[in-house]
């Protein structure tokens, strides 16, 4: 699905949808992190020589306790990183089942999680701004 090319990627995010809602979590409210106290999506920074898929699946497990298979990813696209340093971030889309949601075990990053109606997420001034745009791209596909 995703490939890492000559411009390396620095991280991956995943929009997980179920019945018109999206899995989000409230970031910690600390001045030393990007986008403090904002609604964010599963994912994070690349470790070692991970592929974009391996990165986002590892982060989703670490943050939510979800073992999500790469074959369940329905959409992917690279975007210029918000850091504006020439690096790439990958954005993925997938679907959750109600069983997946029941299996969530929230990790130690962030304040809390929820399944938020997608329309509320897209309208939220507290959502990480560029992620709202990426979710709109996903919805145009899905």
Protein backbone atom coordinates (compact mmCIF):
# COMPACT_ATOMS: atom_id res chain seq x y z
CA UNK A 1 0.00 0.00 0.00
CA UNK A 2 2.29 2.79 1.21
CA UNK A 3 5.88 3.07 0.18
CA UNK A 4 8.75 5.05 1.55
CA UNK A 5 10.60 6.78 -1.23
CA UNK A 6 13.65 8.99 -1.42
CA UNK A 7 12.05 11.51 0.95
CA UNK A 8 11.72 9.65 4.21
CA UNK A 9 8.58 9.73 6.24
CA UNK A 10 8.58 10.74 9.88
CA UNK A 11 5.28 9.27 11.05
CA UNK A 12 1.83 7.94 10.29
CA UNK A 13 -1.74 8.59 11.46
CA UNK A 14 -4.89 6.50 11.14
CA UNK A 15 -8.54 7.57 10.92
CA UNK A 16 -10.67 4.69 12.19
CA UNK A 17 -14.36 4.98 11.34
CA UNK A 18 -17.44 3.16 12.64
CA UNK A 19 -21.08 4.04 11.99
CA UNK A 20 -20.44 7.72 11.24
CA UNK A 21 -17.98 8.22 14.12
CA UNK A 22 -14.21 8.44 14.32
CA UNK A 23 -11.82 7.24 17.03
CA UNK A 24 -10.13 10.25 18.64
CA UNK A 25 -8.29 11.05 21.83
CA UNK A 26 -7.62 14.27 23.70
CA UNK A 27 -3.88 15.01 23.71
CA UNK A 28 -2.15 15.80 26.97
CA UNK A 29 -2.36 19.47 27.94
CA UNK A 30 1.37 20.19 28.12
CA UNK A 31 3.25 23.09 26.59
CA UNK A 32 6.18 20.86 25.55
CA UNK A 33 4.21 18.86 22.94
CA UNK A 34 2.70 19.85 19.59
CA UNK A 35 -1.05 20.50 19.57
CA UNK A 36 -1.60 20.30 23.35
CA UNK A 37 -5.15 19.53 24.52
CA UNK A 38 -6.34 18.90 20.93
CA UNK A 39 -8.34 16.00 19.53
CA UNK A 40 -5.92 13.67 17.76
CA UNK A 41 -5.96 10.37 15.90
CA UNK A 42 -4.04 7.13 16.49
CA UNK A 43 -0.48 7.19 15.22
CA UNK A 44 2.82 8.87 15.78
CA UNK A 45 6.48 8.96 14.95
CA UNK A 46 8.47 6.42 13.01
CA UNK A 47 10.89 4.18 14.88
CA UNK A 48 13.97 2.85 13.10
CA UNK A 49 13.32 1.66 9.57
CA UNK A 50 9.59 0.97 10.02
CA UNK A 51 7.31 1.11 7.02
CA UNK A 52 4.44 3.60 7.21
CA UNK A 53 2.00 0.73 7.86
CA UNK A 54 4.16 -0.82 10.59
CA UNK A 55 4.48 2.60 12.25
CA UNK A 56 0.76 3.32 12.38
CA UNK A 57 -0.16 -0.21 13.46
CA UNK A 58 2.42 -0.18 16.27
CA UNK A 59 1.24 3.24 17.46
CA UNK A 60 -2.41 2.15 17.34
CA UNK A 61 -1.55 -0.85 19.51
CA UNK A 62 0.51 1.25 21.96
CA UNK A 63 -2.13 3.97 22.27
CA UNK A 64 -5.34 1.91 22.17
CA UNK A 65 -4.36 -1.72 22.68
CA UNK A 66 -5.82 -2.56 19.27
CA UNK A 67 -4.20 -5.20 17.12
CA UNK A 68 -5.27 -3.88 13.71
CA UNK A 69 -4.16 -5.83 10.63
CA UNK A 70 -2.60 -4.01 7.67
CA UNK A 71 -5.05 -5.76 5.31
CA UNK A 72 -7.87 -3.80 7.02
CA UNK A 73 -6.43 -0.45 5.94
CA UNK A 74 -8.71 0.89 3.20
CA UNK A 75 -6.93 4.06 2.12
CA UNK A 76 -3.54 5.74 2.35
CA UNK A 77 -1.88 8.90 1.17
CA UNK A 78 1.39 10.70 1.90
CA UNK A 79 1.28 14.36 2.89
CA UNK A 80 3.99 16.94 3.50
CA UNK A 81 4.71 17.02 7.21
CA UNK A 82 3.16 19.85 9.23
CA UNK A 83 6.73 20.60 10.32
CA UNK A 84 7.39 21.99 6.83
CA UNK A 85 10.88 20.48 6.73
CA UNK A 86 10.52 18.48 3.51
CA UNK A 87 9.57 15.27 5.30
CA UNK A 88 6.48 13.16 4.64
CA UNK A 89 3.77 11.87 6.94
CA UNK A 90 1.44 9.05 5.91
CA UNK A 91 -2.28 9.10 6.61
CA UNK A 92 -4.37 5.92 6.59
CA UNK A 93 -8.05 5.11 6.82
CA UNK A 94 -9.77 2.03 8.18
CA UNK A 95 -12.98 0.79 9.71
CA UNK A 96 -13.64 -0.39 13.25
CA UNK A 97 -16.16 -2.96 14.34
CA UNK A 98 -18.10 -2.71 17.58
CA UNK A 99 -15.94 -5.59 18.82
CA UNK A 100 -12.81 -3.51 18.10
CA UNK A 101 -14.22 -0.62 20.09
CA UNK A 102 -15.07 -2.89 23.02
CA UNK A 103 -11.47 -4.17 22.97
CA UNK A 104 -9.88 -0.70 23.30
CA UNK A 105 -7.52 -0.37 26.24
CA UNK A 106 -6.35 3.24 26.34
CA UNK A 107 -2.63 3.71 26.93
CA UNK A 108 -0.77 6.31 28.93
CA UNK A 109 -0.62 9.08 26.31
CA UNK A 110 -3.48 11.53 26.26
CA UNK A 111 -6.33 12.37 28.60
CA UNK A 112 -9.17 10.21 27.28
CA UNK A 113 -10.63 8.77 24.10
CA UNK A 114 -14.04 8.69 22.45
CA UNK A 115 -15.89 7.74 19.30
CA UNK A 116 -16.83 11.21 18.04
CA UNK A 117 -19.34 11.85 15.25
CA UNK A 118 -17.25 12.63 12.17
CA UNK A 119 -19.18 15.87 11.55
CA UNK A 120 -18.37 17.05 15.10
CA UNK A 121 -14.69 16.21 14.63
CA UNK A 122 -14.52 18.08 11.33
CA UNK A 123 -16.18 21.13 12.92
CA UNK A 124 -14.14 21.05 16.12
CA UNK A 125 -11.73 23.95 16.64
CA UNK A 126 -9.89 21.60 19.03
CA UNK A 127 -9.04 19.01 16.36
CA UNK A 128 -5.50 18.95 14.96
CA UNK A 129 -6.14 21.17 11.91
CA UNK A 130 -4.33 19.26 9.18
CA UNK A 131 -5.88 15.97 10.31
CA UNK A 132 -9.35 17.40 9.65
CA UNK A 133 -8.27 18.03 6.06
CA UNK A 134 -6.90 14.49 5.71
CA UNK A 135 -10.12 13.00 7.08
CA UNK A 136 -12.07 14.99 4.47
CA UNK A 137 -9.84 13.43 1.79
CA UNK A 138 -10.53 9.98 3.21
CA UNK A 139 -14.29 10.61 3.26
CA UNK A 140 -14.20 11.66 -0.39
CA UNK A 141 -12.80 8.21 -1.12
CA UNK A 142 -14.76 6.06 1.33
